N, C-alpha and C. Protein backbone atom coordinates (compact mmCIF):
# COMPACT_ATOMS: atom_id res chain seq x y z
N MET A 1 0.85 -1.18 0.00
CA MET A 1 0.00 0.00 0.00
C MET A 1 0.89 1.23 0.00
N SER A 2 0.52 2.25 -0.78
CA SER A 2 1.31 3.47 -0.81
C SER A 2 0.61 4.55 0.00
N GLY A 3 1.30 5.68 0.19
CA GLY A 3 0.71 6.77 0.95
C GLY A 3 1.23 6.78 2.37
N PRO A 4 0.72 7.69 3.21
CA PRO A 4 1.25 7.85 4.54
C PRO A 4 1.01 6.67 5.47
N VAL A 5 0.02 5.83 5.19
CA VAL A 5 -0.23 4.71 6.10
C VAL A 5 0.75 3.61 5.75
N GLY A 6 1.86 3.60 6.46
CA GLY A 6 2.86 2.60 6.20
C GLY A 6 3.35 1.97 7.48
N GLY A 7 2.72 2.30 8.59
CA GLY A 7 3.15 1.76 9.85
C GLY A 7 4.46 2.37 10.30
N THR A 8 4.69 3.62 9.94
CA THR A 8 5.93 4.28 10.34
C THR A 8 6.01 4.38 11.85
N ALA A 9 7.19 4.13 12.37
CA ALA A 9 7.37 4.17 13.82
C ALA A 9 7.43 5.63 14.27
N PRO A 10 6.63 5.98 15.27
CA PRO A 10 6.65 7.36 15.74
C PRO A 10 7.93 7.64 16.52
N PRO A 11 8.40 8.88 16.49
CA PRO A 11 9.57 9.24 17.26
C PRO A 11 9.33 9.05 18.76
N GLU A 12 10.40 8.95 19.52
CA GLU A 12 10.29 8.79 20.97
C GLU A 12 9.51 9.96 21.57
N GLY A 13 8.77 9.69 22.63
CA GLY A 13 8.04 10.74 23.34
C GLY A 13 6.81 11.23 22.62
N THR A 14 6.25 10.40 21.75
CA THR A 14 5.08 10.83 21.00
C THR A 14 3.85 10.00 21.31
N ALA A 15 3.80 9.41 22.48
CA ALA A 15 2.62 8.63 22.84
C ALA A 15 1.41 9.55 22.87
N PRO A 16 0.31 9.13 22.25
CA PRO A 16 -0.88 10.00 22.24
C PRO A 16 -1.47 10.15 23.65
N VAL A 17 -1.91 11.36 23.95
CA VAL A 17 -2.57 11.60 25.23
C VAL A 17 -4.06 11.28 25.13
N GLU A 18 -4.54 11.18 23.90
CA GLU A 18 -5.97 10.92 23.68
C GLU A 18 -6.15 10.27 22.32
N VAL A 19 -7.21 9.47 22.21
CA VAL A 19 -7.57 8.85 20.93
C VAL A 19 -8.95 9.36 20.54
N LEU A 20 -9.04 9.86 19.33
CA LEU A 20 -10.30 10.37 18.78
C LEU A 20 -10.78 9.34 17.75
N ASP A 21 -11.85 8.62 18.06
CA ASP A 21 -12.32 7.53 17.20
C ASP A 21 -13.31 8.07 16.16
N CYS A 22 -12.84 8.15 14.93
CA CYS A 22 -13.68 8.63 13.82
C CYS A 22 -13.92 7.52 12.80
N ARG A 23 -13.72 6.27 13.21
CA ARG A 23 -13.95 5.16 12.29
C ARG A 23 -15.42 5.13 11.88
N GLY A 24 -15.65 4.85 10.61
CA GLY A 24 -17.01 4.81 10.08
C GLY A 24 -17.52 6.16 9.62
N GLN A 25 -16.74 7.21 9.82
CA GLN A 25 -17.13 8.55 9.40
C GLN A 25 -16.40 8.92 8.12
N ARG A 26 -17.09 9.55 7.23
CA ARG A 26 -16.52 9.90 5.93
C ARG A 26 -16.06 11.35 5.91
N CYS A 27 -15.18 11.62 4.98
CA CYS A 27 -14.65 12.96 4.75
C CYS A 27 -15.82 13.94 4.60
N PRO A 28 -15.75 15.07 5.26
CA PRO A 28 -14.63 15.67 5.98
C PRO A 28 -14.71 15.52 7.50
N LEU A 29 -15.58 14.65 8.00
CA LEU A 29 -15.81 14.59 9.46
C LEU A 29 -14.56 14.31 10.29
N PRO A 30 -13.68 13.37 9.93
CA PRO A 30 -12.50 13.17 10.78
C PRO A 30 -11.65 14.43 10.94
N VAL A 31 -11.47 15.18 9.85
CA VAL A 31 -10.67 16.41 9.92
C VAL A 31 -11.40 17.49 10.73
N ILE A 32 -12.70 17.58 10.58
CA ILE A 32 -13.46 18.56 11.36
C ILE A 32 -13.35 18.25 12.84
N LYS A 33 -13.47 16.99 13.21
CA LYS A 33 -13.36 16.61 14.62
C LYS A 33 -11.96 16.85 15.15
N LEU A 34 -10.94 16.56 14.35
CA LEU A 34 -9.56 16.85 14.72
C LEU A 34 -9.39 18.35 14.96
N ALA A 35 -9.91 19.17 14.06
CA ALA A 35 -9.78 20.62 14.17
C ALA A 35 -10.47 21.17 15.41
N ARG A 36 -11.53 20.54 15.84
CA ARG A 36 -12.25 20.99 17.04
C ARG A 36 -11.57 20.53 18.32
N ARG A 37 -11.00 19.33 18.31
CA ARG A 37 -10.44 18.76 19.54
C ARG A 37 -9.01 19.21 19.83
N LEU A 38 -8.17 19.31 18.81
CA LEU A 38 -6.76 19.61 19.04
C LEU A 38 -6.52 20.89 19.83
N PRO A 39 -7.24 21.99 19.57
CA PRO A 39 -6.99 23.21 20.35
C PRO A 39 -7.32 23.09 21.84
N GLU A 40 -8.09 22.07 22.20
CA GLU A 40 -8.45 21.86 23.61
C GLU A 40 -7.35 21.14 24.38
N LEU A 41 -6.37 20.59 23.67
CA LEU A 41 -5.26 19.87 24.30
C LEU A 41 -4.10 20.83 24.53
N PRO A 42 -3.23 20.50 25.50
CA PRO A 42 -2.06 21.37 25.74
C PRO A 42 -1.08 21.32 24.57
N VAL A 43 -0.35 22.41 24.37
CA VAL A 43 0.68 22.46 23.35
C VAL A 43 1.68 21.33 23.62
N GLY A 44 2.04 20.61 22.58
CA GLY A 44 2.96 19.48 22.69
C GLY A 44 2.27 18.14 22.81
N ALA A 45 0.97 18.14 23.10
CA ALA A 45 0.22 16.90 23.24
C ALA A 45 0.00 16.26 21.87
N VAL A 46 -0.05 14.93 21.86
CA VAL A 46 -0.30 14.18 20.62
C VAL A 46 -1.69 13.57 20.69
N LEU A 47 -2.44 13.78 19.64
CA LEU A 47 -3.79 13.23 19.49
C LEU A 47 -3.75 12.18 18.40
N ARG A 48 -4.24 10.98 18.69
CA ARG A 48 -4.34 9.94 17.67
C ARG A 48 -5.77 9.94 17.12
N VAL A 49 -5.89 10.09 15.82
CA VAL A 49 -7.18 10.07 15.15
C VAL A 49 -7.32 8.73 14.45
N LEU A 50 -8.32 7.94 14.86
CA LEU A 50 -8.63 6.69 14.18
C LEU A 50 -9.64 7.00 13.08
N ALA A 51 -9.27 6.73 11.84
CA ALA A 51 -10.15 7.05 10.72
C ALA A 51 -9.93 6.03 9.62
N ASP A 52 -10.99 5.32 9.24
CA ASP A 52 -10.88 4.31 8.21
C ASP A 52 -11.32 4.79 6.83
N ASP A 53 -11.70 6.04 6.71
CA ASP A 53 -12.00 6.60 5.40
C ASP A 53 -10.67 6.77 4.66
N PRO A 54 -10.52 6.20 3.46
CA PRO A 54 -9.24 6.31 2.74
C PRO A 54 -8.78 7.76 2.54
N ALA A 55 -9.70 8.69 2.46
CA ALA A 55 -9.32 10.10 2.27
C ALA A 55 -8.55 10.65 3.47
N ALA A 56 -8.71 10.07 4.64
CA ALA A 56 -8.03 10.56 5.84
C ALA A 56 -6.51 10.48 5.70
N ALA A 57 -6.02 9.48 4.96
CA ALA A 57 -4.58 9.31 4.77
C ALA A 57 -3.95 10.51 4.06
N VAL A 58 -4.74 11.23 3.29
CA VAL A 58 -4.27 12.43 2.60
C VAL A 58 -4.73 13.68 3.34
N ASP A 59 -5.98 13.68 3.80
CA ASP A 59 -6.57 14.87 4.40
C ASP A 59 -5.91 15.29 5.71
N ILE A 60 -5.60 14.33 6.58
CA ILE A 60 -5.05 14.69 7.89
C ILE A 60 -3.65 15.30 7.77
N PRO A 61 -2.72 14.68 7.03
CA PRO A 61 -1.42 15.34 6.85
C PRO A 61 -1.54 16.71 6.16
N ALA A 62 -2.44 16.83 5.18
CA ALA A 62 -2.63 18.10 4.49
C ALA A 62 -3.16 19.16 5.45
N TRP A 63 -4.10 18.79 6.31
CA TRP A 63 -4.64 19.73 7.30
C TRP A 63 -3.52 20.20 8.22
N CYS A 64 -2.65 19.28 8.64
CA CYS A 64 -1.53 19.64 9.52
C CYS A 64 -0.63 20.67 8.85
N ARG A 65 -0.31 20.46 7.58
CA ARG A 65 0.54 21.43 6.85
C ARG A 65 -0.14 22.78 6.77
N MET A 66 -1.42 22.80 6.45
CA MET A 66 -2.14 24.07 6.29
C MET A 66 -2.31 24.81 7.61
N ARG A 67 -2.42 24.07 8.72
CA ARG A 67 -2.68 24.69 10.02
C ARG A 67 -1.45 24.81 10.90
N GLY A 68 -0.29 24.42 10.38
CA GLY A 68 0.94 24.56 11.15
C GLY A 68 1.05 23.61 12.32
N GLN A 69 0.39 22.46 12.22
CA GLN A 69 0.48 21.44 13.27
C GLN A 69 1.42 20.33 12.77
N GLU A 70 1.92 19.52 13.69
CA GLU A 70 2.89 18.48 13.32
C GLU A 70 2.21 17.14 13.09
N PHE A 71 2.35 16.61 11.90
CA PHE A 71 1.90 15.26 11.61
C PHE A 71 3.02 14.34 12.06
N VAL A 72 2.76 13.52 13.09
CA VAL A 72 3.81 12.71 13.71
C VAL A 72 3.98 11.38 12.99
N ALA A 73 2.90 10.65 12.81
CA ALA A 73 3.02 9.30 12.24
C ALA A 73 1.66 8.78 11.80
N ALA A 74 1.72 7.80 10.89
CA ALA A 74 0.54 7.05 10.48
C ALA A 74 0.72 5.61 10.95
N HIS A 75 -0.37 4.98 11.35
CA HIS A 75 -0.35 3.60 11.84
C HIS A 75 -1.37 2.78 11.06
N GLU A 76 -0.97 1.60 10.62
CA GLU A 76 -1.89 0.74 9.87
C GLU A 76 -3.05 0.27 10.75
N GLU A 77 -2.75 -0.05 12.00
CA GLU A 77 -3.82 -0.52 12.89
C GLU A 77 -4.73 0.65 13.23
N GLY A 78 -5.96 0.44 13.10
CA GLY A 78 -6.96 1.50 13.40
C GLY A 78 -7.70 1.95 12.15
N PRO A 79 -7.13 2.36 11.05
CA PRO A 79 -5.82 3.00 11.00
C PRO A 79 -5.82 4.29 11.79
N GLY A 80 -4.65 4.70 12.25
CA GLY A 80 -4.55 5.87 13.09
C GLY A 80 -3.53 6.85 12.58
N TYR A 81 -3.73 8.11 12.95
CA TYR A 81 -2.87 9.21 12.52
C TYR A 81 -2.57 10.05 13.76
N ASP A 82 -1.28 10.23 14.08
CA ASP A 82 -0.89 10.99 15.26
C ASP A 82 -0.55 12.42 14.85
N VAL A 83 -1.13 13.37 15.59
CA VAL A 83 -0.94 14.79 15.33
C VAL A 83 -0.53 15.46 16.64
N ARG A 84 0.56 16.24 16.59
CA ARG A 84 1.00 16.98 17.77
C ARG A 84 0.55 18.44 17.65
N ARG A 85 -0.02 18.94 18.75
CA ARG A 85 -0.41 20.35 18.79
C ARG A 85 0.85 21.19 18.95
N VAL A 86 1.05 22.09 18.00
CA VAL A 86 2.22 22.96 18.01
C VAL A 86 1.89 24.29 18.67
N GLY A 87 0.73 24.78 18.45
CA GLY A 87 0.39 26.06 19.05
C GLY A 87 -1.04 26.40 18.86
């Protein structure tokens, strides 16, 4: 499989503080929920978004780039996407 979901190992110290389960939800709901929840977490916190919509593999990293947040890693299981709040 190509794209960000490759089971990349997250860097040390990136354990998620919370898991946002968006499985079964279609685009754009996972990104909308991420955008609403991330600002409620402390700066530096990692949020794992579980999203099985194939569009999430592209949408979540793109949202991070546009919003200045850090896309940490993609995980095949879930599948999940880790995002760190930068500011």
